[in-house]
Protein backbone atom coordinates (compact mmCIF):
# COMPACT_ATOMS: atom_id res chain seq x y z
CA MET A 1 4.36 71.28 35.13
CA LYS A 2 6.13 67.92 35.32
CA LYS A 3 9.06 67.35 33.00
CA LYS A 4 8.41 64.80 30.25
CA LEU A 5 10.74 61.82 30.03
CA LYS A 6 11.26 59.26 27.29
CA ILE A 7 12.47 55.84 28.45
CA VAL A 8 14.42 53.71 25.97
CA GLY A 9 14.13 50.00 26.77
CA SER A 10 11.08 48.02 27.80
CA GLY A 11 12.50 44.95 29.55
CA SER A 12 12.14 44.08 33.22
CA HIS A 13 14.74 46.72 34.22
CA CYS A 14 12.32 49.31 32.85
CA LYS A 15 9.98 48.81 35.82
CA VAL A 16 12.68 49.98 38.21
CA ILE A 17 13.30 53.05 36.05
CA ILE A 18 9.60 53.89 35.99
CA ASP A 19 9.38 53.77 39.79
CA CYS A 20 12.41 56.00 40.24
CA ALA A 21 11.35 58.46 37.55
CA LEU A 22 7.85 58.88 38.97
CA SER A 23 9.15 59.36 42.51
CA ASN A 24 11.43 62.10 41.15
CA GLY A 25 8.49 63.95 39.64
CA TYR A 26 8.85 63.08 35.96
CA LYS A 27 5.96 62.41 33.62
CA ILE A 28 6.84 59.44 31.42
CA GLU A 29 5.87 60.29 27.88
CA CYS A 30 6.58 56.88 26.38
CA ILE A 31 8.61 53.69 26.68
CA ILE A 32 10.48 52.55 23.57
CA ASP A 33 10.90 48.84 22.80
CA ILE A 34 14.31 48.57 21.14
CA ASN A 35 13.58 45.02 19.92
CA SER A 36 10.38 45.60 17.97
CA ILE A 37 9.67 47.46 14.72
CA LYS A 38 6.00 46.50 14.76
CA LYS A 39 3.19 48.57 16.21
CA THR A 40 2.47 47.58 19.80
CA ASN A 41 -0.53 48.03 22.06
CA GLU A 42 1.48 47.03 25.11
CA LYS A 43 1.52 49.12 28.26
CA ILE A 44 3.74 48.93 31.35
CA PHE A 45 2.04 50.25 34.47
CA GLY A 46 -0.39 52.06 32.15
CA ILE A 47 2.37 53.75 30.13
CA PRO A 48 2.29 53.09 26.37
CA VAL A 49 5.12 51.10 24.79
CA GLU A 50 6.16 52.25 21.32
CA ASN A 51 8.29 50.45 18.76
CA LYS A 52 11.93 51.02 17.86
CA ASN A 53 11.08 53.49 15.09
CA THR A 54 10.11 56.02 17.75
CA ILE A 55 13.83 56.56 18.43
CA LYS A 56 13.99 58.46 15.12
CA LYS A 57 11.52 60.99 16.54
CA ILE A 58 13.64 61.81 19.58
CA LYS A 59 14.86 65.40 19.27
CA LYS A 60 17.58 67.67 20.60
CA ASN A 61 17.08 68.50 24.30
CA ASP A 62 14.50 65.74 24.87
CA LEU A 63 14.88 64.21 28.33
CA VAL A 64 15.90 60.55 27.98
CA PHE A 65 16.81 57.65 30.23
CA LEU A 66 18.07 54.23 29.12
CA ALA A 67 16.31 51.32 30.78
CA ILE A 68 18.73 48.73 29.42
CA GLY A 69 20.57 46.39 31.77
CA ASP A 70 23.06 44.98 29.26
CA ASN A 71 26.20 47.15 29.30
CA LYS A 72 27.07 46.70 25.62
CA ILE A 73 23.58 47.51 24.34
CA ARG A 74 23.16 50.42 26.76
CA SER A 75 26.51 51.82 25.60
CA TYR A 76 25.41 51.62 21.95
CA TYR A 77 22.21 53.56 22.53
CA PHE A 78 23.98 56.12 24.70
CA LYS A 79 26.34 56.91 21.81
CA ILE A 80 23.54 57.03 19.22
CA LEU A 81 21.33 59.34 21.28
CA LYS A 82 24.23 61.52 22.38
CA LEU A 83 24.65 62.43 18.70
CA LYS A 84 21.07 63.72 18.77
CA LEU A 85 22.05 66.06 21.63
CA VAL A 86 19.42 64.68 23.97
CA LYS A 87 19.62 65.39 27.70
CA PHE A 88 20.43 62.25 29.67
CA ILE A 89 19.10 62.72 33.19
CA ASN A 90 20.28 61.00 36.35
CA LEU A 91 17.73 59.08 38.40
CA ILE A 92 18.56 58.92 42.10
CA SER A 93 16.29 57.12 44.53
CA LYS A 94 14.93 59.25 47.37
CA ASN A 95 16.09 56.44 49.69
CA SER A 96 19.74 56.70 48.70
CA PHE A 97 22.56 58.90 49.97
CA VAL A 98 24.89 60.65 47.54
CA SER A 99 27.62 62.81 49.04
CA ARG A 100 27.71 66.42 47.90
CA HIS A 101 31.38 65.75 47.24
CA ALA A 102 30.73 62.88 44.82
CA ILE A 103 30.89 63.50 41.06
CA LEU A 104 28.26 62.03 38.75
CA GLY A 105 28.24 61.86 34.96
CA ASP A 106 25.05 61.63 32.88
CA GLY A 107 22.47 58.88 32.47
CA ILE A 108 23.15 57.26 35.84
CA LEU A 109 20.71 55.21 37.92
CA ILE A 110 21.26 55.14 41.66
CA ASN A 111 18.62 52.73 42.88
CA ASN A 112 17.08 52.27 46.34
CA ASN A 113 19.20 52.29 49.52
CA CYS A 114 22.57 53.01 47.91
CA ILE A 115 25.41 54.95 49.54
CA ILE A 116 27.81 56.99 47.40
CA ASN A 117 30.46 58.49 49.63
CA ALA A 118 32.69 61.57 49.36
CA GLY A 119 35.25 61.83 46.60
CA SER A 120 33.72 59.07 44.48
CA LYS A 121 33.26 59.57 40.74
CA ILE A 122 30.72 57.66 38.65
CA ASN A 123 31.03 58.15 34.92
CA ASN A 124 28.31 58.26 32.26
CA ASN A 125 25.67 55.60 31.72
CA CYS A 126 26.24 53.51 34.87
CA ILE A 127 23.79 51.49 36.94
CA ILE A 128 24.32 51.53 40.70
CA ASN A 129 21.74 49.01 41.79
CA SER A 130 19.80 48.46 45.03
CA GLY A 131 21.75 48.58 48.27
CA ALA A 132 25.20 49.06 46.73
CA ILE A 133 27.83 50.85 48.83
CA ILE A 134 30.40 52.91 46.97
CA GLU A 135 32.97 54.08 49.49
CA HIS A 136 35.08 57.25 49.41
CA ASP A 137 37.27 58.05 46.39
CA VAL A 138 36.03 55.15 44.27
CA LYS A 139 36.16 55.70 40.50
CA ILE A 140 33.74 53.80 38.24
CA GLY A 141 34.15 53.87 34.46
CA LYS A 142 31.36 54.52 31.98
CA ASN A 143 28.72 51.92 31.06
CA SER A 144 29.37 49.79 34.15
CA HIS A 145 26.73 47.94 36.17
CA ILE A 146 27.18 47.61 39.92
CA CYS A 147 24.64 45.00 40.99
CA PRO A 148 22.49 44.92 44.16
CA GLY A 149 24.31 44.52 47.46
CA VAL A 150 27.81 45.19 46.14
CA ILE A 151 30.32 46.78 48.54
CA ILE A 152 33.30 48.61 47.07
CA GLY A 153 36.09 49.72 49.42
CA GLY A 154 37.66 53.18 49.31
CA ASN A 155 40.13 54.30 46.63
CA THR A 156 39.16 51.46 44.30
CA LEU A 157 39.27 51.97 40.53
CA ILE A 158 36.79 50.12 38.30
CA GLY A 159 37.19 50.41 34.53
CA GLN A 160 34.51 50.97 31.92
CA ASN A 161 31.97 48.38 30.75
CA CYS A 162 32.35 46.31 33.92
CA PHE A 163 29.71 44.06 35.46
CA ILE A 164 30.08 43.58 39.21
CA GLY A 165 27.78 40.72 40.26
CA LEU A 166 25.24 40.52 43.08
CA GLY A 167 26.61 40.86 46.59
CA SER A 168 30.26 41.05 45.56
CA LYS A 169 32.80 42.69 47.85
CA ILE A 170 35.91 44.54 46.74
CA ILE A 171 38.46 45.57 49.34
CA ASP A 172 40.00 49.04 49.29
CA LYS A 173 42.66 50.24 46.81
CA ILE A 174 41.87 47.60 44.18
CA LYS A 175 42.15 48.19 40.42
CA ILE A 176 39.73 46.35 38.15
CA GLY A 177 40.33 46.69 34.42
CA SER A 178 37.73 47.52 31.78
CA ASN A 179 35.34 44.91 30.34
CA THR A 180 35.58 42.78 33.48
CA THR A 181 32.77 40.52 34.68
CA LEU A 182 32.69 39.59 38.34
CA GLY A 183 30.42 36.71 39.37
CA SER A 184 27.84 37.00 42.12
CA GLY A 185 29.15 36.81 45.68
CA SER A 186 32.78 37.30 44.69
CA LEU A 187 35.42 38.64 47.06
CA VAL A 188 38.17 40.64 45.35
CA ILE A 189 41.41 41.07 47.27
CA LYS A 190 43.80 41.51 44.32
CA ASP A 191 43.87 43.67 41.18
CA ILE A 192 42.14 42.30 38.07
CA LYS A 193 43.33 43.07 34.53
CA SER A 194 40.96 44.05 31.71
CA ASN A 195 38.83 41.67 29.63
CA GLN A 196 38.51 38.86 32.16
CA ILE A 197 35.84 36.96 34.08
CA PHE A 198 36.40 36.33 37.78
CA ALA A 199 34.29 34.57 40.41
CA GLY A 200 34.54 33.05 43.87
CA SER A 201 35.65 33.99 47.36
CA PRO A 202 38.42 34.89 46.96
CA ALA A 203 37.81 35.67 43.30
CA LYS A 204 39.72 33.62 40.73
CA LYS A 205 39.96 33.87 36.97
CA ILE A 206 37.53 31.61 35.11
CA SER A 207 37.87 33.06 31.60
């Protein structure tokens, strides 16, 4: 019997989660729209979308995955549902490589064609998106989003709640503080402190 999964979040990111969940053998029980309290007849790929009130019905040990791209909102729902003692699964694409010597938290997406090398640690509630390369001994803090095509050099430390934009490259042994946003196509060759926005090649502070 296939394991039943509840998906929280019904935006465009949800479609990626559906694909990965189905390919990993889950049966998707429902998709929950976190922005609507009204009854909905919507379906995504034939799967019913239910309103926000359905979150109240989620029980201890239910299998859950958050299909929410925004780090702040995803973090909020992770905390709320963790109090309900749900089981956050990891979804790892069949096309990706994850070293047996990597450490993964809970509620992590590793999308198509990613590489997670030995000694790396990815904390709870992270998105590692299509084609990202996480080299050896990289540490990624909780609630972070590593966008498609990102390359992170070995022994790099990325804080929590970070957004690393499309196609960015980070050389080895870099430290990036928490709550950092890195613009698409950036090249990081120096450490970045917390709570800043950087962009460019090489990356420079813009906020």
